[in-house]
């Protein structure tokens, strides 16, 4: 690794660790709340409602965070993210009642909203191969999702529900201090941006890309969130619970999601080499028959079908981020990512009522998976709007020698 590349590798490591923190911290509450019900004498529904401000602000603050990222730069915002996440998690752990916990959760969601629009733009600015780095970054976030419940449960059982917030909060403050030191006045750890000519694409191409990104954020986000939430219930319906047990169903679900979370490493590299169109066409096109099969076929066959489904669902994730990095000017990039994640996270807020309503009407998961197949088909159709061909050679990156990454 050359001297010019080393600061970028250090900066990208901090950005990836922050992605783990973002998803991990947002999933502390759903597990910690199981003990909170006993501690404060609340029903599960009452206790669960205390976390609502976090998820509302996670979506609502995304666009303002993108604007602030373009205005003040990624390094400043990433520092704010790390210290804000640590401080708000500790505040949640010290809450003395429902009102103070809701305030802390609202702050946690607000700071969590900084990450995606700001950090995604930073990765595109710093990476010589953006697709590869976006894929690796996705794995860190997926590991945060996969490990949150287990670590939170262990901390809560050992030290109480407050420790489940406070211990990770202290860890985030430590990472923030290390990043503050690494990204100081000399710029070491802040990284040096890759110089790329600003996109010179026509308005027609850019509008087509925005249409695809918007459709993927809405419909692809719906598929991703619904499938990850509904898989345990699907397995419970189709497997013999008397033989597998609830623990076995949970273990199968975790294994499927954990294995699929690494797919982005492969598809991230492929989008750099082949361009986004064949990747998105393949991923969305395979989702449609797999979702239809999962919704209609009985028995244990759903397990081997769920594996390729989650591979292509996770694998499609880096494409939209790559598209915005390739087609949007650097000056507007954080705001563009803010728009993308606002759409995706806004859809996520509707997932649980949607799943509950469909299940209440039909009594099983069939209707949900048929609906999701329709959503995936919309992404597949939109993919044909993308310009074809490999990434242009004219956009091959060159390392900047002086400026720090914004």
Foldseek 3Di string as FASTA:
>chain_A
DDPQLQLLVLLLVLLLLLLLLLLLLLPLQVQLLVQVCVVPVHDSVVSVVLLVLLLVLLLVLQLVLLVVCLVPHLLVLSLCLLLQLLVLLLQLLPDPDSVSNSVSSNSNSNSSSNRFLRSLLLLLFFDLQSLLSLLSSLLSNLVSNLCNNVVSNVCCVVPRSSCSRNVVSVVSVVSSVVCCVCCDPQRRNLHFTWDFDFDPDDPLQVVLLLVLLLLCLQLLLLLVLQCLVCQLQLCVQFEDCVVQPSVNSVVLSSVLSNVLSNLSNVLSNVCQFFNLLVLQLVLLVVLLVLLLCSLPPGHPVNSVSSNVNSNSSNNNVSRSSVSLSRHPGSSNRSSSSSVSNSNSSVNSVCNVVVQVVVCVVPVGCNVVSNVSSVSSVSSNVSSVSHDGGHPDPSRRIDTDDHDGHD
